[in-house]
Amino acid sequence: MSMFARIVICGVGLIGGSFALALKKAGLVQTVVGVGRSAATLEEARSLGLIDEIATDWAVALKGADLLLLAMPVGQMDSVMKAAAPHLEPQTLVTDAGSTKGDVFAAVYENLQHRLATVVPAHPIAGAEKSGPTAAFADLYQGKRVVLTPLPESDPAAVARVRAAWEACGARISEMHPQDHDRVFAAVSHLPHLLAFGLVHEIQARDNAEQLFGFAASGFRDFTRIAGSHPEMWRDICMSNRQALLAELDTYLSELAWLRALLIQGDAAALERLFTQASQARNAWGANQ
């Protein structure tokens, strides 16, 4: 693919910073400009080589920009798009890295009506429990999925260029309808995070929390690893996708009720069958990763 002369990234943490580093490693970007709320974070990103310039004014940031990546928490999408919209140039592609898409589409149609052909929403499935510029690394997206959710109005050439940018980062690309996207990720991403946060919160509130954490080992660590994730980001994700998430939570509560019933009944055989089915499904999925 051809080089990007100038990329602007709003949110220069794990996701945005790794995108910049990957394109730099591939030799496909000349200048990366960072925009964000925290001057200290932007300075840190520049010192680490994630970005080349810091901009505090959208007019300056977007001057001559080929691509704008919105990589901040999804709760900021509407306000950031509103601020950036007047300064987008005809050639500037707009994409995002949000974990929800219904709210992103709403913000796009509210604020970028004049630029729909050059907007290509996306979601890289490559997060981690760490955040901030120091968490970024160039190979984050190697072999990972990135889901594109183009608008009906998205120009095929714009979709192809955004796809090529993610592919240059090492990602495998899929396309989905935004509603399908939000339902799928409510089940396999948003619900697991909600459960991990909830379990750790419940344990830490107990009078003997120190004792419990002292004896917690690999099972607790593996199950709750994602509870170390960025609280603001996950607050916004859960609120943005709350209807689909509530449906998944209700389904999971039914499963918990079934497990509780088996324990009350002392039905070891049924419990083992359930465990066997789950183990086989988990191992089959793991073998394909």
C-alpha atoms as a PDB file:
ATOM      1  CA  MET A   1       0.000   0.000   0.000  1.00  0.00           C
ATOM      2  CA  SER A   2       1.087   3.611  -0.434  1.00  0.00           C
ATOM      3  CA  MET A   3       2.516   5.534   2.489  1.00  0.00           C
ATOM      4  CA  PHE A   4       0.526   7.780   4.775  1.00  0.00           C
ATOM      5  CA  ALA A   5       2.219  11.165   4.896  1.00  0.00           C
ATOM      6  CA  ARG A   6       0.382  12.236   8.058  1.00  0.00           C
ATOM      7  CA  ILE A   7      -1.736  10.255  10.526  1.00  0.00           C
ATOM      8  CA  VAL A   8      -3.557  11.797  13.482  1.00  0.00           C
ATOM      9  CA  ILE A   9      -4.318   9.626  16.494  1.00  0.00           C
ATOM     10  CA  CYS A  10      -6.698  10.746  19.226  1.00  0.00           C
ATOM     11  CA  GLY A  11      -5.860   8.552  22.192  1.00  0.00           C
ATOM     12  CA  VAL A  12      -2.206   7.489  22.181  1.00  0.00           C
ATOM     13  CA  GLY A  13      -2.394   4.572  24.607  1.00  0.00           C
ATOM     14  CA  LEU A  14      -2.215   0.834  23.973  1.00  0.00           C
ATOM     15  CA  ILE A  15      -4.463   0.750  20.895  1.00  0.00           C
ATOM     16  CA  GLY A  16      -3.590   4.026  19.197  1.00  0.00           C
ATOM     17  CA  GLY A  17       0.085   3.856  20.134  1.00  0.00           C
ATOM     18  CA  SER A  18       0.452   0.287  18.870  1.00  0.00           C
ATOM     19  CA  PHE A  19      -1.216   1.241  15.582  1.00  0.00           C
ATOM     20  CA  ALA A  20       1.326   4.027  15.149  1.00  0.00           C
ATOM     21  CA  LEU A  21       4.278   1.804  16.022  1.00  0.00           C
ATOM     22  CA  ALA A  22       3.098  -0.942  13.662  1.00  0.00           C
ATOM     23  CA  LEU A  23       2.808   1.436  10.706  1.00  0.00           C
ATOM     24  CA  LYS A  24       6.174   2.970  11.562  1.00  0.00           C
ATOM     25  CA  LYS A  25       7.731  -0.486  11.693  1.00  0.00           C
ATOM     26  CA  ALA A  26       6.228  -1.242   8.275  1.00  0.00           C
ATOM     27  CA  GLY A  27       7.615   2.030   6.915  1.00  0.00           C
ATOM     28  CA  LEU A  28       4.165   3.260   5.938  1.00  0.00           C
ATOM     29  CA  VAL A  29       3.864   6.561   7.771  1.00  0.00           C
ATOM     30  CA  GLN A  30       5.995   9.685   7.747  1.00  0.00           C
ATOM     31  CA  THR A  31       4.476  11.692  10.600  1.00  0.00           C
ATOM     32  CA  VAL A  32       2.181  10.667  13.461  1.00  0.00           C
ATOM     33  CA  VAL A  33       0.390  13.443  15.327  1.00  0.00           C
ATOM     34  CA  GLY A  34      -1.036  12.825  18.789  1.00  0.00           C
ATOM     35  CA  VAL A  35      -4.164  14.474  20.206  1.00  0.00           C
ATOM     36  CA  GLY A  36      -5.610  13.861  23.667  1.00  0.00           C
ATOM     37  CA  ARG A  37      -6.841  15.201  26.987  1.00  0.00           C
ATOM     38  CA  SER A  38      -3.611  14.804  28.938  1.00  0.00           C
ATOM     39  CA  ALA A  39      -0.514  16.804  28.069  1.00  0.00           C
ATOM     40  CA  ALA A  40       1.565  14.458  30.224  1.00  0.00           C
ATOM     41  CA  THR A  41       0.326  11.402  28.335  1.00  0.00           C
ATOM     42  CA  LEU A  42       1.048  13.038  24.989  1.00  0.00           C
ATOM     43  CA  GLU A  43       4.551  13.993  26.102  1.00  0.00           C
ATOM     44  CA  GLU A  44       5.134  10.435  27.271  1.00  0.00           C
ATOM     45  CA  ALA A  45       3.935   9.073  23.929  1.00  0.00           C
ATOM     46  CA  ARG A  46       6.308  11.386  22.082  1.00  0.00           C
ATOM     47  CA  SER A  47       9.241  10.436  24.317  1.00  0.00           C
ATOM     48  CA  LEU A  48       8.546   6.758  23.605  1.00  0.00           C
ATOM     49  CA  GLY A  49       8.480   7.365  19.842  1.00  0.00           C
ATOM     50  CA  LEU A  50       4.794   6.552  19.409  1.00  0.00           C
ATOM     51  CA  ILE A  51       4.072   9.978  17.941  1.00  0.00           C
ATOM     52  CA  ASP A  52       6.205  12.636  16.280  1.00  0.00           C
ATOM     53  CA  GLU A  53       4.135  15.721  17.045  1.00  0.00           C
ATOM     54  CA  ILE A  54       1.648  16.903  19.647  1.00  0.00           C
ATOM     55  CA  ALA A  55      -1.327  19.024  18.619  1.00  0.00           C
ATOM     56  CA  THR A  56      -3.742  20.877  20.876  1.00  0.00           C
ATOM     57  CA  ASP A  57      -5.717  22.410  18.009  1.00  0.00           C
ATOM     58  CA  TRP A  58      -7.710  20.280  15.580  1.00  0.00           C
ATOM     59  CA  ALA A  59      -7.085  22.680  12.716  1.00  0.00           C
ATOM     60  CA  VAL A  60      -3.341  22.239  13.155  1.00  0.00           C
ATOM     61  CA  ALA A  61      -3.550  18.489  13.787  1.00  0.00           C
ATOM     62  CA  LEU A  62      -5.628  17.708  10.693  1.00  0.00           C
ATOM     63  CA  LYS A  63      -3.796  19.975   8.258  1.00  0.00           C
ATOM     64  CA  GLY A  64      -2.744  17.627   5.458  1.00  0.00           C
ATOM     65  CA  ALA A  65      -3.830  14.501   7.342  1.00  0.00           C
ATOM     66  CA  ASP A  66      -4.420  11.296   5.400  1.00  0.00           C
ATOM     67  CA  LEU A  67      -6.080   9.414   8.254  1.00  0.00           C
ATOM     68  CA  LEU A  68      -7.634  10.120  11.644  1.00  0.00           C
ATOM     69  CA  LEU A  69      -7.821   7.227  14.119  1.00  0.00           C
ATOM     70  CA  LEU A  70     -10.173   7.738  17.063  1.00  0.00           C
ATOM     71  CA  ALA A  71      -8.712   5.494  19.780  1.00  0.00           C
ATOM     72  CA  MET A  72     -10.057   7.108  22.940  1.00  0.00           C
ATOM     73  CA  PRO A  73     -12.863   5.639  25.122  1.00  0.00           C
ATOM     74  CA  VAL A  74     -16.137   5.303  23.215  1.00  0.00           C
ATOM     75  CA  GLY A  75     -17.896   7.725  25.551  1.00  0.00           C
ATOM     76  CA  GLN A  76     -15.860  10.532  23.976  1.00  0.00           C
ATOM     77  CA  MET A  77     -16.688   9.701  20.351  1.00  0.00           C
ATOM     78  CA  ASP A  78     -19.499  12.213  19.932  1.00  0.00           C
ATOM     79  CA  SER A  79     -17.635  15.197  21.393  1.00  0.00           C
ATOM     80  CA  VAL A  80     -14.380  14.411  19.570  1.00  0.00           C
ATOM     81  CA  MET A  81     -16.102  13.968  16.212  1.00  0.00           C
ATOM     82  CA  LYS A  82     -17.944  17.246  16.731  1.00  0.00           C
ATOM     83  CA  ALA A  83     -14.683  19.071  17.466  1.00  0.00           C
ATOM     84  CA  ALA A  84     -12.748  17.503  14.581  1.00  0.00           C
ATOM     85  CA  ALA A  85     -15.462  17.671  11.906  1.00  0.00           C
ATOM     86  CA  PRO A  86     -14.950  21.293  10.737  1.00  0.00           C
ATOM     87  CA  HIS A  87     -11.240  20.664  10.137  1.00  0.00           C
ATOM     88  CA  LEU A  88     -11.327  17.393   8.191  1.00  0.00           C
ATOM     89  CA  GLU A  89      -9.835  17.729   4.721  1.00  0.00           C
ATOM     90  CA  PRO A  90     -11.255  15.988   1.621  1.00  0.00           C
ATOM     91  CA  GLN A  91      -8.580  13.267   1.603  1.00  0.00           C
ATOM     92  CA  THR A  92      -8.733  12.480   5.327  1.00  0.00           C
ATOM     93  CA  LEU A  93     -10.042   9.016   6.139  1.00  0.00           C
ATOM     94  CA  VAL A  94     -11.748   8.629   9.520  1.00  0.00           C
ATOM     95  CA  THR A  95     -11.722   5.343  11.401  1.00  0.00           C
ATOM     96  CA  ASP A  96     -11.963   4.320  15.030  1.00  0.00           C
ATOM     97  CA  ALA A  97     -10.979   1.543  17.413  1.00  0.00           C
ATOM     98  CA  GLY A  98     -14.106   1.465  19.557  1.00  0.00           C
ATOM     99  CA  SER A  99     -15.355  -1.776  21.111  1.00  0.00           C
ATOM    100  CA  THR A 100     -18.967  -0.820  20.387  1.00  0.00           C
ATOM    101  CA  LYS A 101     -20.345   0.261  17.073  1.00  0.00           C
ATOM    102  CA  GLY A 102     -23.970   1.343  17.465  1.00  0.00           C
ATOM    103  CA  ASP A 103     -22.952   4.458  19.372  1.00  0.00           C
ATOM    104  CA  VAL A 104     -20.130   5.172  16.937  1.00  0.00           C
ATOM    105  CA  PHE A 105     -22.554   5.044  14.008  1.00  0.00           C
ATOM    106  CA  ALA A 106     -24.877   7.436  15.840  1.00  0.00           C
ATOM    107  CA  ALA A 107     -22.020   9.875  16.456  1.00  0.00           C
ATOM    108  CA  VAL A 108     -20.886   9.639  12.822  1.00  0.00           C
ATOM    109  CA  TYR A 109     -24.328  10.425  11.426  1.00  0.00           C
ATOM    110  CA  GLU A 110     -24.740  13.255  13.925  1.00  0.00           C
ATOM    111  CA  ASN A 111     -21.389  14.943  13.318  1.00  0.00           C
ATOM    112  CA  LEU A 112     -19.873  13.750  10.025  1.00  0.00           C
ATOM    113  CA  GLN A 113     -22.821  13.865   7.633  1.00  0.00           C
ATOM    114  CA  HIS A 114     -20.699  15.759   5.102  1.00  0.00           C
ATOM    115  CA  ARG A 115     -17.929  13.112   5.186  1.00  0.00           C
ATOM    116  CA  LEU A 116     -19.691   9.728   5.243  1.00  0.00           C
ATOM    117  CA  ALA A 117     -17.867   8.383   2.170  1.00  0.00           C
ATOM    118  CA  THR A 118     -14.516   8.628   3.958  1.00  0.00           C
ATOM    119  CA  VAL A 119     -15.620   7.131   7.300  1.00  0.00           C
ATOM    120  CA  VAL A 120     -14.855   3.453   8.003  1.00  0.00           C
ATOM    121  CA  PRO A 121     -15.564   2.345  11.604  1.00  0.00           C
ATOM    122  CA  ALA A 122     -13.438  -0.507  12.955  1.00  0.00           C
ATOM    123  CA  HIS A 123     -12.698  -2.540  16.077  1.00  0.00           C
ATOM    124  CA  PRO A 124      -9.302  -4.196  16.689  1.00  0.00           C
ATOM    125  CA  ILE A 125      -9.722  -7.338  18.826  1.00  0.00           C
ATOM    126  CA  ALA A 126      -6.359  -6.993  20.476  1.00  0.00           C
ATOM    127  CA  GLY A 127      -6.743  -5.319  23.822  1.00  0.00           C
ATOM    128  CA  ALA A 128      -4.895  -6.057  27.053  1.00  0.00           C
ATOM    129  CA  GLU A 129      -5.379  -5.321  30.715  1.00  0.00           C
ATOM    130  CA  LYS A 130      -2.628  -2.677  30.588  1.00  0.00           C
ATOM    131  CA  SER A 131      -3.223   0.808  29.219  1.00  0.00           C
ATOM    132  CA  GLY A 132      -1.375   4.011  28.407  1.00  0.00           C
ATOM    133  CA  PRO A 133       1.554   4.760  26.107  1.00  0.00           C
ATOM    134  CA  THR A 134       3.971   2.445  27.935  1.00  0.00           C
ATOM    135  CA  ALA A 135       1.696  -0.519  27.118  1.00  0.00           C
ATOM    136  CA  ALA A 136       1.930   0.033  23.336  1.00  0.00           C
ATOM    137  CA  PHE A 137       4.056  -2.236  21.153  1.00  0.00           C
ATOM    138  CA  ALA A 138       4.436  -2.673  17.405  1.00  0.00           C
ATOM    139  CA  ASP A 139       3.369  -6.325  17.217  1.00  0.00           C
ATOM    140  CA  LEU A 140       0.105  -6.010  19.169  1.00  0.00           C
ATOM    141  CA  TYR A 141      -2.000  -6.680  16.063  1.00  0.00           C
ATOM    142  CA  GLN A 142       0.030  -9.547  14.588  1.00  0.00           C
ATOM    143  CA  GLY A 143      -2.399 -12.352  13.796  1.00  0.00           C
ATOM    144  CA  LYS A 144      -5.245 -10.599  15.638  1.00  0.00           C
ATOM    145  CA  ARG A 145      -8.685  -9.850  14.219  1.00  0.00           C
ATOM    146  CA  VAL A 146      -9.857  -6.395  13.252  1.00  0.00           C
ATOM    147  CA  VAL A 147     -13.549  -6.022  12.463  1.00  0.00           C
ATOM    148  CA  LEU A 148     -14.560  -3.376   9.943  1.00  0.00           C
ATOM    149  CA  THR A 149     -18.151  -2.118  10.062  1.00  0.00           C
ATOM    150  CA  PRO A 150     -18.383   0.174   7.016  1.00  0.00           C
ATOM    151  CA  LEU A 151     -21.261   2.589   6.621  1.00  0.00           C
ATOM    152  CA  PRO A 152     -23.598   2.018   3.669  1.00  0.00           C
ATOM    153  CA  GLU A 153     -22.147   5.310   2.389  1.00  0.00           C
ATOM    154  CA  SER A 154     -18.475   4.334   2.846  1.00  0.00           C
ATOM    155  CA  ASP A 155     -16.525   4.589  -0.395  1.00  0.00           C
ATOM    156  CA  PRO A 156     -15.093   1.163  -1.354  1.00  0.00           C
ATOM    157  CA  ALA A 157     -11.719   2.826  -1.926  1.00  0.00           C
ATOM    158  CA  ALA A 158     -11.787   4.215   1.616  1.00  0.00           C
ATOM    159  CA  VAL A 159     -12.693   0.789   3.020  1.00  0.00           C
ATOM    160  CA  ALA A 160      -9.848  -0.790   1.045  1.00  0.00           C
ATOM    161  CA  ARG A 161      -7.312   1.741   2.345  1.00  0.00           C
ATOM    162  CA  VAL A 162      -8.378   1.328   5.982  1.00  0.00           C
ATOM    163  CA  ARG A 163      -8.307  -2.447   5.521  1.00  0.00           C
ATOM    164  CA  ALA A 164      -4.806  -2.231   4.067  1.00  0.00           C
ATOM    165  CA  ALA A 165      -3.608  -0.112   7.000  1.00  0.00           C
ATOM    166  CA  TRP A 166      -4.749  -2.720   9.522  1.00  0.00           C
ATOM    167  CA  GLU A 167      -3.358  -5.524   7.396  1.00  0.00           C
ATOM    168  CA  ALA A 168      -0.010  -3.723   7.382  1.00  0.00           C
ATOM    169  CA  CYS A 169      -0.159  -3.966  11.187  1.00  0.00           C
ATOM    170  CA  GLY A 170      -0.427  -7.754  10.830  1.00  0.00           C
ATOM    171  CA  ALA A 171      -4.172  -8.030  11.472  1.00  0.00           C
ATOM    172  CA  ARG A 172      -6.745 -10.405   9.973  1.00  0.00           C
ATOM    173  CA  ILE A 173      -9.771  -8.488   8.705  1.00  0.00           C
ATOM    174  CA  SER A 174     -13.459  -9.321   8.993  1.00  0.00           C
ATOM    175  CA  GLU A 175     -16.537  -7.231   8.183  1.00  0.00           C
ATOM    176  CA  MET A 176     -19.782  -7.158  10.182  1.00  0.00           C
ATOM    177  CA  HIS A 177     -22.999  -5.212  10.482  1.00  0.00           C
ATOM    178  CA  PRO A 178     -22.794  -2.916  13.535  1.00  0.00           C
ATOM    179  CA  GLN A 179     -25.763  -4.524  15.311  1.00  0.00           C
ATOM    180  CA  ASP A 180     -24.315  -8.004  14.802  1.00  0.00           C
ATOM    181  CA  HIS A 181     -20.980  -6.714  16.067  1.00  0.00           C
ATOM    182  CA  ASP A 182     -22.459  -5.363  19.292  1.00  0.00           C
ATOM    183  CA  ARG A 183     -24.422  -8.554  20.001  1.00  0.00           C
ATOM    184  CA  VAL A 184     -21.390 -10.781  19.403  1.00  0.00           C
ATOM    185  CA  PHE A 185     -19.029  -8.766  21.558  1.00  0.00           C
ATOM    186  CA  ALA A 186     -21.565  -8.370  24.342  1.00  0.00           C
ATOM    187  CA  ALA A 187     -21.334 -12.165  24.690  1.00  0.00           C
ATOM    188  CA  VAL A 188     -17.622 -12.852  24.247  1.00  0.00           C
ATOM    189  CA  SER A 189     -15.980  -9.644  25.479  1.00  0.00           C
ATOM    190  CA  HIS A 190     -18.199  -7.271  27.406  1.00  0.00           C
ATOM    191  CA  LEU A 191     -19.854  -9.906  29.615  1.00  0.00           C
ATOM    192  CA  PRO A 192     -16.523 -11.540  30.616  1.00  0.00           C
ATOM    193  CA  HIS A 193     -15.156  -8.132  31.614  1.00  0.00           C
ATOM    194  CA  LEU A 194     -18.284  -7.345  33.620  1.00  0.00           C
ATOM    195  CA  LEU A 195     -18.004 -10.690  35.431  1.00  0.00           C
ATOM    196  CA  ALA A 196     -14.295 -10.249  36.176  1.00  0.00           C
ATOM    197  CA  PHE A 197     -14.785  -6.746  37.566  1.00  0.00           C
ATOM    198  CA  GLY A 198     -17.755  -7.947  39.598  1.00  0.00           C
ATOM    199  CA  LEU A 199     -15.934 -10.911  41.146  1.00  0.00           C
ATOM    200  CA  VAL A 200     -12.896  -8.860  42.185  1.00  0.00           C
ATOM    201  CA  HIS A 201     -15.146  -6.121  43.549  1.00  0.00           C
ATOM    202  CA  GLU A 202     -17.116  -8.643  45.619  1.00  0.00           C
ATOM    203  CA  ILE A 203     -13.948 -10.277  47.013  1.00  0.00           C
ATOM    204  CA  GLN A 204     -12.236  -6.983  47.892  1.00  0.00           C
ATOM    205  CA  ALA A 205     -15.300  -5.849  49.850  1.00  0.00           C
ATOM    206  CA  ARG A 206     -15.162  -8.787  52.255  1.00  0.00           C
ATOM    207  CA  ASP A 207     -13.756  -8.459  55.759  1.00  0.00           C
ATOM    208  CA  ASN A 208     -11.206 -11.210  55.000  1.00  0.00           C
ATOM    209  CA  ALA A 209     -10.246  -9.864  51.557  1.00  0.00           C
ATOM    210  CA  GLU A 210      -6.536  -9.807  52.422  1.00  0.00           C
ATOM    211  CA  GLN A 211      -6.634 -13.482  53.350  1.00  0.00           C
ATOM    212  CA  LEU A 212      -8.579 -14.401  50.200  1.00  0.00           C
ATOM    213  CA  PHE A 213      -6.235 -12.532  47.882  1.00  0.00           C
ATOM    214  CA  GLY A 214      -3.287 -14.074  49.749  1.00  0.00           C
ATOM    215  CA  PHE A 215      -4.411 -17.587  48.826  1.00  0.00           C
ATOM    216  CA  ALA A 216      -5.684 -16.802  45.319  1.00  0.00           C
ATOM    217  CA  ALA A 217      -3.595 -18.567  42.662  1.00  0.00           C
ATOM    218  CA  SER A 218      -3.569 -19.185  38.928  1.00  0.00           C
ATOM    219  CA  GLY A 219      -7.292 -19.873  38.512  1.00  0.00           C
ATOM    220  CA  PHE A 220      -8.258 -16.581  40.118  1.00  0.00           C
ATOM    221  CA  ARG A 221      -5.474 -14.759  38.292  1.00  0.00           C
ATOM    222  CA  ASP A 222      -6.484 -16.086  34.876  1.00  0.00           C
ATOM    223  CA  PHE A 223     -10.216 -15.509  35.403  1.00  0.00           C
ATOM    224  CA  THR A 224      -9.770 -11.966  36.718  1.00  0.00           C
ATOM    225  CA  ARG A 225      -6.838 -10.748  34.602  1.00  0.00           C
ATOM    226  CA  ILE A 226      -9.098  -8.465  32.577  1.00  0.00           C
ATOM    227  CA  ALA A 227     -10.364  -6.767  35.744  1.00  0.00           C
ATOM    228  CA  GLY A 228      -7.089  -4.842  35.608  1.00  0.00           C
ATOM    229  CA  SER A 229      -8.317  -3.098  32.441  1.00  0.00           C
ATOM    230  CA  HIS A 230      -8.970   0.619  32.007  1.00  0.00           C
ATOM    231  CA  PRO A 231     -12.048   1.455  34.181  1.00  0.00           C
ATOM    232  CA  GLU A 232     -13.222   4.469  32.159  1.00  0.00           C
ATOM    233  CA  MET A 233     -12.972   2.594  28.889  1.00  0.00           C
ATOM    234  CA  TRP A 234     -14.992  -0.336  30.219  1.00  0.00           C
ATOM    235  CA  ARG A 235     -17.541   1.911  31.878  1.00  0.00           C
ATOM    236  CA  ASP A 236     -18.193   3.513  28.497  1.00  0.00           C
ATOM    237  CA  ILE A 237     -18.342   0.161  26.690  1.00  0.00           C
ATOM    238  CA  CYS A 238     -20.834  -1.294  29.162  1.00  0.00           C
ATOM    239  CA  MET A 239     -23.043   1.780  29.055  1.00  0.00           C
ATOM    240  CA  SER A 240     -22.880   2.084  25.264  1.00  0.00           C
ATOM    241  CA  ASN A 241     -23.813  -1.556  24.701  1.00  0.00           C
ATOM    242  CA  ARG A 242     -25.965  -2.013  27.770  1.00  0.00           C
ATOM    243  CA  GLN A 243     -29.051  -3.455  26.027  1.00  0.00           C
ATOM    244  CA  ALA A 244     -27.122  -6.287  24.386  1.00  0.00           C
ATOM    245  CA  LEU A 245     -25.071  -6.720  27.553  1.00  0.00           C
ATOM    246  CA  LEU A 246     -28.188  -6.963  29.720  1.00  0.00           C
ATOM    247  CA  ALA A 247     -29.540  -9.700  27.446  1.00  0.00           C
ATOM    248  CA  GLU A 248     -26.287 -11.644  27.786  1.00  0.00           C
ATOM    249  CA  LEU A 249     -26.224 -11.097  31.549  1.00  0.00           C
ATOM    250  CA  ASP A 250     -29.779 -12.445  31.864  1.00  0.00           C
ATOM    251  CA  THR A 251     -28.779 -15.549  29.903  1.00  0.00           C
ATOM    252  CA  TYR A 252     -25.746 -16.043  32.118  1.00  0.00           C
ATOM    253  CA  LEU A 253     -27.836 -15.609  35.274  1.00  0.00           C
ATOM    254  CA  SER A 254     -30.035 -18.454  34.015  1.00  0.00           C
ATOM    255  CA  GLU A 255     -26.920 -20.607  33.634  1.00  0.00           C
ATOM    256  CA  LEU A 256     -25.828 -19.720  37.167  1.00  0.00           C
ATOM    257  CA  ALA A 257     -29.287 -20.628  38.449  1.00  0.00           C
ATOM    258  CA  TRP A 258     -28.987 -24.022  36.730  1.00  0.00           C
ATOM    259  CA  LEU A 259     -25.554 -24.602  38.292  1.00  0.00           C
ATOM    260  CA  ARG A 260     -26.954 -23.639  41.690  1.00  0.00           C
ATOM    261  CA  ALA A 261     -29.823 -26.078  41.266  1.00  0.00           C
ATOM    262  CA  LEU A 262     -27.417 -28.902  40.432  1.00  0.00           C
ATOM    263  CA  LEU A 263     -25.414 -28.169  43.568  1.00  0.00           C
ATOM    264  CA  ILE A 264     -28.526 -28.023  45.739  1.00  0.00           C
ATOM    265  CA  GLN A 265     -29.716 -31.340  44.279  1.00  0.00           C
ATOM    266  CA  GLY A 266     -26.278 -32.910  44.665  1.00  0.00           C
ATOM    267  CA  ASP A 267     -26.481 -34.011  41.010  1.00  0.00           C
ATOM    268  CA  ALA A 268     -22.832 -34.870  40.393  1.00  0.00           C
ATOM    269  CA  ALA A 269     -23.506 -36.665  37.115  1.00  0.00           C
ATOM    270  CA  ALA A 270     -25.302 -33.660  35.563  1.00  0.00           C
ATOM    271  CA  LEU A 271     -22.602 -31.323  36.825  1.00  0.00           C
ATOM    272  CA  GLU A 272     -19.905 -33.485  35.248  1.00  0.00           C
ATOM    273  CA  ARG A 273     -21.786 -33.586  31.941  1.00  0.00           C
ATOM    274  CA  LEU A 274     -22.001 -29.802  31.951  1.00  0.00           C
ATOM    275  CA  PHE A 275     -18.298 -29.499  32.797  1.00  0.00           C
ATOM    276  CA  THR A 276     -17.405 -31.992  30.041  1.00  0.00           C
ATOM    277  CA  GLN A 277     -19.368 -30.101  27.403  1.00  0.00           C
ATOM    278  CA  ALA A 278     -17.815 -26.804  28.470  1.00  0.00           C
ATOM    279  CA  SER A 279     -14.305 -28.283  28.597  1.00  0.00           C
ATOM    280  CA  GLN A 280     -14.619 -29.766  25.114  1.00  0.00           C
ATOM    281  CA  ALA A 281     -15.924 -26.476  23.680  1.00  0.00           C
ATOM    282  CA  ARG A 282     -13.167 -24.458  25.381  1.00  0.00           C
ATOM    283  CA  ASN A 283     -10.418 -26.819  24.204  1.00  0.00           C
ATOM    284  CA  ALA A 284     -11.734 -26.859  20.634  1.00  0.00           C
ATOM    285  CA  TRP A 285     -11.795 -23.065  20.580  1.00  0.00           C
ATOM    286  CA  GLY A 286      -8.323 -22.846  22.126  1.00  0.00           C
ATOM    287  CA  ALA A 287      -6.867 -25.213  19.542  1.00  0.00           C
ATOM    288  CA  ASN A 288      -7.872 -22.803  16.780  1.00  0.00           C
ATOM    289  CA  GLN A 289      -6.317 -19.706  18.322  1.00  0.00           C
END
